[in-house]
Amino acid sequence: MASAVLSLIAPFPAGERRTVGLVSTAHAFSHFYMLVLPPVFPLLHGELGLSYAALGLLLSVYAVVTGLMQLPMGLLVDRVGGRAILVLGLALNGTGILLVGLVPGYWAMLGCMVLAGAGNAVFHPADYAILSARVGEGRVGRAFSMHLFAGYLGWMAAPPAVLVLTGLFGWRAALVILGAAGIAYAGLLALQRGSLCDADERHAARDAAARSRANGERTGIALLMTPVIAALFAFYVIIAMAGSGIKSFSVVALVDLHGISLAGANMALSAYFVAAAAGTLLGGWMADRVQRRELATAVAFILSAGFVMLLTMAGLPLAGVFGLMLGAGFFIAVVAPMRDVMVRQAAPRGTVGTAFGLVTTGFSAGAVVAPALLGWVVDLGQPALVFWAVAGFTLLGVFTLVGVSAARSRLEPAPAR
């Protein structure tokens, strides 16, 4: 996988490479912070006497605040610039995690997670606005794929990092150290004005908005109220439901359906994530080279759904489960860079931050709905229905792509950037 990453980095000029590296590392922090608390939940449960429901609420508050704040953060990004908002968001996210390690009680922890969730809301709007402004047109798909790949690395790194630091210093000190690391990196980003500046894009957008207002045309967020953006919003909801279904209940379903061990099921889920990380790299290459992205995305969706459907066959050996999870993860992730490039193309100049804030709100909505729905399915004693539902969500994504394609065909080509 390292050689694949290097081959993606190599085509970037030095300035773009620096931008992609800085922004992608910030995104890795975002994903890292999503998983810093679950590894220490047993310690919080024992030491503070908190129920697992109460601990789960910490994550729910974090996710809900992130979802609600993404559109406002996107509007801020397009008004004041991605760098300032990215620095602020990462600092808030790190501060929230750091304070969880310091505060004495549960209600204070909830407040810290509100702060961290607000910080976490900035990453997609700010990151994509910066990358769109700083990376050349023929390389933006690969830039997006590196950004996504870094997010997967953040997820992978969090549990071992938390466990090692907790073993050395205790869970409170571990959270303080990890939160401080994010604050320190935010300070580094604050010094990288040249590599993260998107001012030219915003100035051109303001000039265009002034002309539009003079002509009585729509401006600002009203520009995004289009059938294409609506279809992409639905697409983000669907892809989040499919991914959240796998992340939330595939382990339970695999154990019940195939009789494999809990450790084996968790390893299969890890294999899904490793394959997904690799899939984002291929997806970035395709996003820069494939003209009919909706068709390529639909094919990847159908292949992923096929692998998931095969998981419904009871009694598969562990090797078979691994192979199917690898295939499902790889092809669902191929979609992601092409999906993000489609959003960028649909956003009028200077509204990229708002556009990503809007569609990723749909992503948050899907991630809230799917676990509750599939938890009910598991309670019914029908583990195979988990995979049928995930496959159904994935195939439903194909129909939203038809909507994207139909809406785009009715529009004139977007102006050159």
Protein backbone atom coordinates (compact mmCIF):
# COMPACT_ATOMS: atom_id res chain seq x y z
CA MET A 1 0.00 0.00 0.00
CA ALA A 2 2.92 2.34 0.65
CA SER A 3 3.99 2.18 -3.00
CA ALA A 4 0.45 3.04 -4.08
CA VAL A 5 0.47 6.09 -1.81
CA LEU A 6 3.83 7.23 -3.16
CA SER A 7 2.64 6.86 -6.75
CA LEU A 8 -0.27 9.13 -5.93
CA ILE A 9 1.94 11.73 -4.26
CA ALA A 10 4.55 11.80 -7.02
CA PRO A 11 2.46 13.62 -9.69
CA PHE A 12 1.83 16.61 -7.40
CA PRO A 13 4.10 19.66 -7.75
CA ALA A 14 5.93 20.47 -4.53
CA GLY A 15 3.53 23.22 -3.44
CA GLU A 16 0.46 21.06 -4.01
CA ARG A 17 2.11 18.13 -2.27
CA ARG A 18 2.63 20.27 0.82
CA THR A 19 -0.99 21.44 0.76
CA VAL A 20 -2.33 17.91 0.36
CA GLY A 21 -0.09 16.66 3.16
CA LEU A 22 -1.07 19.39 5.60
CA VAL A 23 -4.80 19.11 4.95
CA SER A 24 -4.80 15.31 4.92
CA THR A 25 -3.00 15.16 8.26
CA ALA A 26 -5.64 17.45 9.74
CA HIS A 27 -8.29 15.06 8.42
CA ALA A 28 -6.46 12.16 10.06
CA PHE A 29 -6.79 14.00 13.39
CA SER A 30 -10.54 14.34 12.76
CA HIS A 31 -11.01 10.60 12.31
CA PHE A 32 -8.56 9.82 15.11
CA TYR A 33 -10.60 11.83 17.60
CA MET A 34 -13.78 9.97 16.64
CA LEU A 35 -12.31 6.81 18.17
CA VAL A 36 -10.28 8.01 21.16
CA LEU A 37 -13.01 7.41 23.76
CA PRO A 38 -14.35 3.89 22.96
CA PRO A 39 -11.08 2.11 23.87
CA VAL A 40 -11.25 3.56 27.41
CA PHE A 41 -15.00 3.08 27.93
CA PRO A 42 -14.44 0.08 30.24
CA LEU A 43 -12.16 2.23 32.41
CA LEU A 44 -14.66 5.10 32.53
CA HIS A 45 -17.41 2.60 33.34
CA GLY A 46 -15.46 1.15 36.26
CA GLU A 47 -13.81 4.29 37.62
CA LEU A 48 -16.67 6.78 37.23
CA GLY A 49 -19.59 4.37 37.55
CA LEU A 50 -21.07 5.46 34.23
CA SER A 51 -23.41 3.20 32.30
CA TYR A 52 -22.53 2.25 28.74
CA ALA A 53 -25.66 4.06 27.60
CA ALA A 54 -24.33 7.24 29.19
CA LEU A 55 -20.95 6.68 27.59
CA GLY A 56 -22.59 6.09 24.22
CA LEU A 57 -24.41 9.40 24.63
CA LEU A 58 -21.02 11.15 24.65
CA LEU A 59 -20.44 9.89 21.12
CA SER A 60 -24.00 10.67 20.06
CA VAL A 61 -23.68 14.28 21.23
CA TYR A 62 -20.38 14.56 19.38
CA ALA A 63 -21.93 13.23 16.16
CA VAL A 64 -25.12 15.30 16.36
CA VAL A 65 -23.27 18.56 17.00
CA THR A 66 -20.92 17.78 14.11
CA GLY A 67 -23.87 17.18 11.80
CA LEU A 68 -25.73 20.32 12.82
CA MET A 69 -22.68 22.56 12.54
CA GLN A 70 -21.32 21.48 9.15
CA LEU A 71 -23.47 23.79 7.03
CA PRO A 72 -22.80 26.88 9.19
CA MET A 73 -19.09 26.05 9.08
CA GLY A 74 -19.28 25.72 5.30
CA LEU A 75 -20.81 29.18 5.05
CA LEU A 76 -18.01 30.55 7.25
CA VAL A 77 -15.38 28.85 5.11
CA ASP A 78 -16.68 30.53 1.96
CA ARG A 79 -16.79 33.89 3.75
CA VAL A 80 -13.50 34.03 5.67
CA GLY A 81 -11.41 31.23 4.16
CA GLY A 82 -10.68 27.59 4.80
CA ARG A 83 -7.37 27.99 6.66
CA ALA A 84 -8.73 30.08 9.53
CA ILE A 85 -11.73 27.79 10.03
CA LEU A 86 -9.60 24.65 9.79
CA VAL A 87 -7.20 25.96 12.44
CA LEU A 88 -10.08 26.96 14.71
CA GLY A 89 -11.87 23.65 14.26
CA LEU A 90 -8.87 21.45 14.95
CA ALA A 91 -8.00 23.54 18.01
CA LEU A 92 -11.57 23.21 19.33
CA ASN A 93 -11.63 19.47 18.64
CA GLY A 94 -8.33 18.92 20.41
CA THR A 95 -9.35 21.15 23.32
CA GLY A 96 -12.59 19.23 23.79
CA ILE A 97 -10.76 15.89 23.94
CA LEU A 98 -8.09 17.31 26.25
CA LEU A 99 -10.73 18.65 28.66
CA VAL A 100 -12.50 15.28 28.82
CA GLY A 101 -9.30 14.05 30.44
CA LEU A 102 -9.37 16.86 33.01
CA VAL A 103 -12.98 17.44 34.05
CA PRO A 104 -14.29 15.53 37.08
CA GLY A 105 -17.90 14.76 36.14
CA TYR A 106 -20.15 13.40 33.41
CA TRP A 107 -22.07 16.58 32.60
CA ALA A 108 -18.84 18.46 32.09
CA MET A 109 -17.73 15.67 29.75
CA LEU A 110 -20.90 16.17 27.71
CA GLY A 111 -20.06 19.85 27.41
CA CYS A 112 -16.56 18.96 26.26
CA MET A 113 -18.01 16.71 23.56
CA VAL A 114 -20.21 19.57 22.35
CA LEU A 115 -17.05 21.66 21.96
CA ALA A 116 -15.20 18.82 20.22
CA GLY A 117 -18.16 18.13 17.92
CA ALA A 118 -18.32 21.77 16.84
CA GLY A 119 -14.63 21.60 16.01
CA ASN A 120 -15.07 18.36 14.09
CA ALA A 121 -17.67 20.01 11.84
CA VAL A 122 -15.08 22.12 10.01
CA PHE A 123 -13.01 19.46 8.32
CA HIS A 124 -14.99 18.58 5.21
CA PRO A 125 -16.02 22.14 4.30
CA ALA A 126 -12.60 23.65 5.02
CA ASP A 127 -10.47 20.81 3.66
CA TYR A 128 -12.29 20.52 0.35
CA ALA A 129 -12.37 24.29 -0.14
CA ILE A 130 -8.59 24.48 0.34
CA LEU A 131 -7.85 21.47 -1.87
CA SER A 132 -10.18 22.73 -4.60
CA ALA A 133 -8.42 26.10 -4.62
CA ARG A 134 -4.82 24.87 -4.35
CA VAL A 135 -4.69 21.68 -6.46
CA GLY A 136 -4.71 21.59 -10.27
CA GLU A 137 -7.81 20.37 -12.07
CA GLY A 138 -6.25 17.15 -13.36
CA ARG A 139 -5.03 16.10 -9.91
CA VAL A 140 -7.89 17.04 -7.61
CA GLY A 141 -9.35 13.51 -7.55
CA ARG A 142 -6.08 12.10 -6.27
CA ALA A 143 -5.86 14.93 -3.74
CA PHE A 144 -9.32 13.99 -2.47
CA SER A 145 -8.30 10.32 -2.30
CA MET A 146 -5.23 11.15 -0.19
CA HIS A 147 -7.49 13.17 2.10
CA LEU A 148 -9.83 10.19 2.48
CA PHE A 149 -6.94 7.74 2.89
CA ALA A 150 -5.56 9.83 5.76
CA GLY A 151 -8.95 9.62 7.46
CA TYR A 152 -8.77 5.82 7.39
CA LEU A 153 -5.26 5.98 8.85
CA GLY A 154 -6.65 8.11 11.68
CA TRP A 155 -9.27 5.49 12.45
CA MET A 156 -6.66 2.71 12.38
CA ALA A 157 -4.20 4.58 14.60
CA ALA A 158 -6.58 5.65 17.36
CA PRO A 159 -7.21 2.42 19.32
CA PRO A 160 -3.55 1.33 19.62
CA ALA A 161 -2.36 4.86 20.41
CA VAL A 162 -4.97 5.29 23.13
CA LEU A 163 -4.25 1.89 24.64
CA VAL A 164 -0.47 2.40 24.69
CA LEU A 165 -0.69 5.86 26.29
CA THR A 166 -3.32 4.65 28.76
CA GLY A 167 -1.08 1.76 29.77
CA LEU A 168 1.81 4.16 30.34
CA PHE A 169 0.12 7.16 31.94
CA GLY A 170 -3.57 6.38 32.59
CA TRP A 171 -6.62 7.29 30.54
CA ARG A 172 -6.84 10.92 31.68
CA ALA A 173 -3.25 11.70 30.77
CA ALA A 174 -3.69 9.85 27.47
CA LEU A 175 -6.61 12.09 26.47
CA VAL A 176 -4.71 15.21 27.55
CA ILE A 177 -1.69 14.22 25.45
CA LEU A 178 -3.76 13.36 22.38
CA GLY A 179 -5.84 16.52 22.66
CA ALA A 180 -2.70 18.62 23.03
CA ALA A 181 -1.27 17.02 19.88
CA GLY A 182 -4.22 18.34 17.87
CA ILE A 183 -3.86 21.81 19.36
CA ALA A 184 -0.16 21.80 18.49
CA TYR A 185 -0.88 20.77 14.91
CA ALA A 186 -3.49 23.52 14.65
CA GLY A 187 -0.74 25.95 15.64
CA LEU A 188 1.45 24.59 12.85
CA LEU A 189 -1.37 25.03 10.33
CA ALA A 190 -1.80 28.64 11.45
CA LEU A 191 1.74 29.30 10.19
CA GLN A 192 1.13 27.77 6.75
CA ARG A 193 -0.64 30.70 5.12
CA GLY A 194 0.89 30.23 1.68
CA SER A 195 0.09 26.52 1.43
CA LEU A 196 -3.50 26.80 2.69
CA CYS A 197 -4.65 30.11 1.20
CA ASP A 198 -7.84 30.04 -0.89
CA ALA A 199 -8.21 33.83 -1.16
CA ASP A 200 -8.11 33.97 -4.99
CA GLU A 201 -11.07 31.60 -5.16
CA ARG A 202 -13.06 33.64 -2.64
CA HIS A 203 -12.28 36.98 -4.31
CA ALA A 204 -13.38 35.67 -7.69
CA ALA A 205 -16.55 34.31 -6.10
CA ARG A 206 -17.32 37.67 -4.48
CA ASP A 207 -16.94 39.44 -7.82
CA ALA A 208 -19.26 36.92 -9.44
CA ALA A 209 -21.77 37.29 -6.59
CA ALA A 210 -21.75 41.08 -6.96
CA ARG A 211 -22.52 40.74 -10.66
CA SER A 212 -25.30 38.25 -9.89
CA ARG A 213 -26.89 40.58 -7.33
CA ALA A 214 -26.76 43.44 -9.81
CA ASN A 215 -28.58 41.25 -12.33
CA GLY A 216 -31.16 40.07 -9.79
CA GLU A 217 -29.81 36.49 -9.83
CA ARG A 218 -29.41 34.08 -6.93
CA THR A 219 -26.30 34.27 -4.74
CA GLY A 220 -24.82 32.49 -1.72
CA ILE A 221 -26.46 29.32 -0.47
CA ALA A 222 -29.38 29.88 -2.85
CA LEU A 223 -27.00 28.91 -5.67
CA LEU A 224 -26.85 25.41 -4.18
CA MET A 225 -30.60 24.83 -4.18
CA THR A 226 -30.38 22.79 -7.39
CA PRO A 227 -31.52 19.30 -8.41
CA VAL A 228 -27.88 18.18 -8.71
CA ILE A 229 -27.01 19.15 -5.13
CA ALA A 230 -30.30 17.65 -3.89
CA ALA A 231 -29.46 14.35 -5.60
CA LEU A 232 -25.93 14.42 -4.19
CA PHE A 233 -27.33 15.12 -0.71
CA ALA A 234 -29.49 11.99 -1.06
CA PHE A 235 -26.45 10.09 -2.32
CA TYR A 236 -24.48 11.04 0.80
CA VAL A 237 -27.36 9.90 3.03
CA ILE A 238 -27.48 6.51 1.29
CA ILE A 239 -23.73 5.88 1.31
CA ALA A 240 -23.59 6.79 5.01
CA MET A 241 -26.40 4.34 5.79
CA ALA A 242 -24.55 1.54 4.01
CA GLY A 243 -21.22 2.30 5.68
CA SER A 244 -22.72 2.81 9.13
CA GLY A 245 -24.58 -0.47 8.85
CA ILE A 246 -21.35 -2.35 8.28
CA LYS A 247 -19.47 -0.49 11.01
CA SER A 248 -22.23 -0.82 13.61
CA PHE A 249 -23.64 -4.33 13.27
CA SER A 250 -21.60 -6.44 10.84
CA VAL A 251 -19.64 -7.99 13.72
CA VAL A 252 -22.79 -9.10 15.55
CA ALA A 253 -24.36 -10.35 12.32
CA LEU A 254 -21.25 -12.27 11.24
CA VAL A 255 -21.01 -14.07 14.59
CA ASP A 256 -24.70 -15.04 14.58
CA LEU A 257 -24.94 -15.93 10.90
CA HIS A 258 -21.68 -17.76 10.28
CA GLY A 259 -20.75 -19.03 13.74
CA ILE A 260 -17.31 -17.44 13.67
CA SER A 261 -15.62 -16.09 16.80
CA LEU A 262 -15.98 -12.52 17.97
CA ALA A 263 -12.27 -12.00 17.33
CA GLY A 264 -12.64 -13.36 13.80
CA ALA A 265 -15.60 -11.09 13.09
CA ASN A 266 -13.69 -8.05 14.32
CA MET A 267 -10.72 -9.01 12.16
CA ALA A 268 -13.06 -9.25 9.18
CA LEU A 269 -14.31 -5.72 9.91
CA SER A 270 -10.70 -4.54 10.12
CA ALA A 271 -10.07 -6.15 6.74
CA TYR A 272 -13.04 -4.18 5.39
CA PHE A 273 -11.41 -0.93 6.53
CA VAL A 274 -7.99 -1.84 5.12
CA ALA A 275 -9.58 -2.67 1.76
CA ALA A 276 -11.58 0.56 1.90
CA ALA A 277 -8.39 2.57 2.43
CA ALA A 278 -6.90 0.94 -0.67
CA GLY A 279 -10.12 1.54 -2.59
CA THR A 280 -9.92 5.27 -2.02
CA LEU A 281 -6.55 5.33 -3.80
CA LEU A 282 -7.95 3.67 -6.92
CA GLY A 283 -10.99 5.93 -6.70
CA GLY A 284 -8.78 9.03 -6.76
CA TRP A 285 -6.97 7.83 -9.87
CA MET A 286 -10.32 7.10 -11.55
CA ALA A 287 -11.77 10.47 -10.53
CA ASP A 288 -8.99 12.23 -12.46
CA ARG A 289 -9.27 10.04 -15.56
CA VAL A 290 -12.81 8.73 -15.94
CA GLN A 291 -15.22 11.01 -17.77
CA ARG A 292 -18.46 9.20 -16.87
CA ARG A 293 -18.03 9.23 -13.12
CA GLU A 294 -21.68 8.47 -12.37
CA LEU A 295 -21.41 5.25 -14.41
CA ALA A 296 -18.13 4.20 -12.80
CA THR A 297 -19.56 4.91 -9.36
CA ALA A 298 -22.70 2.90 -10.11
CA VAL A 299 -20.61 -0.10 -11.21
CA ALA A 300 -18.55 0.07 -8.00
CA PHE A 301 -21.75 0.27 -5.95
CA ILE A 302 -23.23 -2.77 -7.68
CA LEU A 303 -20.05 -4.79 -7.11
CA SER A 304 -19.96 -3.83 -3.42
CA ALA A 305 -23.63 -4.75 -3.02
CA GLY A 306 -22.94 -8.11 -4.65
CA PHE A 307 -20.23 -8.95 -2.13
CA VAL A 308 -22.51 -7.91 0.74
CA MET A 309 -25.38 -10.04 -0.58
CA LEU A 310 -23.11 -13.10 -0.60
CA LEU A 311 -22.53 -12.55 3.12
CA THR A 312 -26.18 -13.49 3.71
CA MET A 313 -25.38 -17.15 2.97
CA ALA A 314 -25.18 -18.77 6.40
CA GLY A 315 -22.26 -20.91 7.51
CA LEU A 316 -19.47 -19.38 5.44
CA PRO A 317 -15.91 -20.20 6.57
CA LEU A 318 -13.80 -17.42 8.02
CA ALA A 319 -11.71 -17.16 4.84
CA GLY A 320 -14.87 -16.67 2.79
CA VAL A 321 -16.12 -13.98 5.15
CA PHE A 322 -12.76 -12.22 4.92
CA GLY A 323 -12.80 -12.28 1.13
CA LEU A 324 -16.32 -10.89 0.90
CA MET A 325 -15.65 -8.14 3.44
CA LEU A 326 -12.50 -7.18 1.53
CA GLY A 327 -14.45 -6.91 -1.72
CA ALA A 328 -17.32 -4.97 -0.17
CA GLY A 329 -14.99 -2.49 1.52
CA PHE A 330 -12.78 -1.97 -1.51
CA PHE A 331 -15.55 -1.19 -3.98
CA ILE A 332 -17.65 0.99 -1.67
CA ALA A 333 -14.56 3.14 -1.06
CA VAL A 334 -13.70 3.46 -4.76
CA VAL A 335 -16.83 5.60 -4.91
CA ALA A 336 -15.70 8.22 -2.39
CA PRO A 337 -13.22 10.37 -4.39
CA MET A 338 -15.49 10.36 -7.46
CA ARG A 339 -18.41 11.34 -5.23
CA ASP A 340 -16.45 14.28 -3.84
CA VAL A 341 -15.33 15.44 -7.29
CA MET A 342 -18.98 15.42 -8.40
CA VAL A 343 -19.86 17.73 -5.50
CA ARG A 344 -17.00 20.06 -6.40
CA GLN A 345 -18.14 20.20 -10.02
CA ALA A 346 -21.72 20.93 -9.00
CA ALA A 347 -20.74 23.80 -6.67
CA PRO A 348 -20.52 27.27 -8.24
CA ARG A 349 -17.17 28.93 -7.75
CA GLY A 350 -16.64 30.13 -4.20
CA THR A 351 -19.32 27.87 -2.68
CA VAL A 352 -17.29 24.66 -2.28
CA GLY A 353 -17.19 24.97 1.51
CA THR A 354 -20.94 25.49 1.74
CA ALA A 355 -21.62 22.68 -0.74
CA PHE A 356 -19.61 20.17 1.26
CA GLY A 357 -21.12 21.44 4.50
CA LEU A 358 -24.55 20.79 3.02
CA VAL A 359 -23.99 17.32 1.56
CA THR A 360 -22.00 16.05 4.54
CA THR A 361 -24.94 17.01 6.72
CA GLY A 362 -26.70 14.29 4.75
CA PHE A 363 -23.82 11.96 5.58
CA SER A 364 -24.34 12.67 9.28
CA ALA A 365 -28.08 12.06 8.95
CA GLY A 366 -27.53 8.67 7.34
CA ALA A 367 -25.05 7.71 10.05
CA VAL A 368 -27.67 8.49 12.72
CA VAL A 369 -30.55 6.61 11.06
CA ALA A 370 -28.87 3.36 10.00
CA PRO A 371 -27.57 2.07 13.36
CA ALA A 372 -30.96 2.47 15.05
CA LEU A 373 -32.75 0.74 12.16
CA LEU A 374 -30.30 -2.15 11.95
CA GLY A 375 -30.18 -2.54 15.73
CA TRP A 376 -33.91 -3.21 15.56
CA VAL A 377 -33.27 -5.78 12.80
CA VAL A 378 -30.70 -7.58 14.98
CA ASP A 379 -33.15 -7.61 17.90
CA LEU A 380 -35.59 -9.44 15.61
CA GLY A 381 -33.08 -12.29 15.41
CA GLN A 382 -32.50 -11.87 11.67
CA PRO A 383 -28.76 -11.26 11.18
CA ALA A 384 -28.95 -11.87 7.43
CA LEU A 385 -31.28 -8.88 7.16
CA VAL A 386 -28.39 -6.64 8.24
CA PHE A 387 -26.53 -7.50 5.05
CA TRP A 388 -29.67 -7.42 2.90
CA ALA A 389 -30.36 -3.94 4.24
CA VAL A 390 -26.79 -2.75 3.60
CA ALA A 391 -26.91 -4.16 0.07
CA GLY A 392 -30.29 -2.49 -0.43
CA PHE A 393 -28.94 0.88 0.71
CA THR A 394 -26.00 0.45 -1.65
CA LEU A 395 -28.20 -0.36 -4.63
CA LEU A 396 -30.46 2.56 -3.75
CA GLY A 397 -27.37 4.69 -4.19
CA VAL A 398 -27.35 3.69 -7.86
CA PHE A 399 -30.77 5.29 -8.29
CA THR A 400 -29.58 8.52 -6.67
CA LEU A 401 -26.72 8.53 -9.18
CA VAL A 402 -29.28 8.32 -11.97
CA GLY A 403 -30.83 11.43 -10.45
CA VAL A 404 -27.44 13.17 -10.37
CA SER A 405 -26.78 12.30 -14.00
CA ALA A 406 -30.24 13.39 -15.14
CA ALA A 407 -29.99 16.69 -13.28
CA ARG A 408 -26.52 17.41 -14.67
CA SER A 409 -27.64 16.67 -18.22
CA ARG A 410 -30.19 19.48 -17.95
CA LEU A 411 -27.55 22.03 -16.95
CA GLU A 412 -24.99 23.85 -19.00
CA PRO A 413 -21.35 22.89 -18.29
CA ALA A 414 -19.93 24.64 -15.24
CA PRO A 415 -17.58 27.54 -15.98
CA ALA A 416 -13.90 26.66 -16.08
CA ARG A 417 -12.09 27.07 -12.78
